[in-house]
Amino acid sequence: MTRTESLPSDIYAIADVHGRADLLEAMLGYIAAASNDQQSKPVVIFLGDLIDRGPDSPKVLDQVCSTLDLYPGSRLILGNHDFYLRELLRGALTYEDAVNWMDWGGVATMSAYSNRPVPDFENIAAEIRRVFPHHVDLLENALTFKEIGRFCFVHAGIRPGVQLANQSEYDLRWIRAGFLDHMDVFDHVVLHGHTITKSLRPEVYLNRIALDTGAYRTSRLSAAVIRRDELSHFVCTELTEAGIVQAGEWRPD
């Protein structure tokens, strides 16, 4: 849990990549070009759920590791899907969590990491630890939330009426009811993913900004751009008719 007092020039909050390395590549290319134009180094906050469902979770983790190295102050917030992989690598994944994880897209991640049969968790974990030690470090150093200025970055949301320091890790990674239907303001504007928006576009509310636009099935990966402690605009990827992924600025009507 980290608080950042100084404000970087631009903050990009990216939600729920879910194994779509092609979309993240386009998004990071856009960020690099925009930062070059502005002659600034942004901070990139990944809101979790890097893995599962999509085809290339290991490459996504490589991309995130490179981004955190490239842009100082950038961080990963651990999502509920990422939590399962971290527990596997720790040797602490419970049977119930393993069943749920595989049902919710984990098979794609295990298959991308290893040719071993999916139930062979112990040997798959050993293989990942040996071949991808930087992925282990990435997950172990992930945060549960981050404050920057008047914004709070989390994966799922926060429990109303509970101070950030006292929030449970489970709520920060899993909450829906009680948060999504809460209409009053929080101490911060909460940027989050976890729950796919009904519009399949970023959605702005009085107290929160929802960024999960179902990238793994819509090809729309979304990022909020925070500039001078205000929401500036969004960046979204789109798949063209020619099958090319493009990233561009998007603003609500």
Foldseek 3Di string as FASTA:
>chain_A
DEEDEDDFFKEKEWEALAFVLQLVVQVVVVVVVVCVVVVGAYAYEYQENLHFLYQHSVVSLVVVLVSCVRGPPHAYAYAPLLVQLLCLLVVNRDPVNLVVNVVRGVVSVLVNQDPDPVVPSNVSSVSCCVPPVVSNVRSVPHHQWYHYAQEIRAAAFFAPPDDPVPTDSCCRHPDDPRGVPDQDADSHQYEYEDDADPVLCWDDHPHYIYQHSPCSPQVWIKIFMAGPNHTDWMKIWHQDPVRHIHIDTDHDD
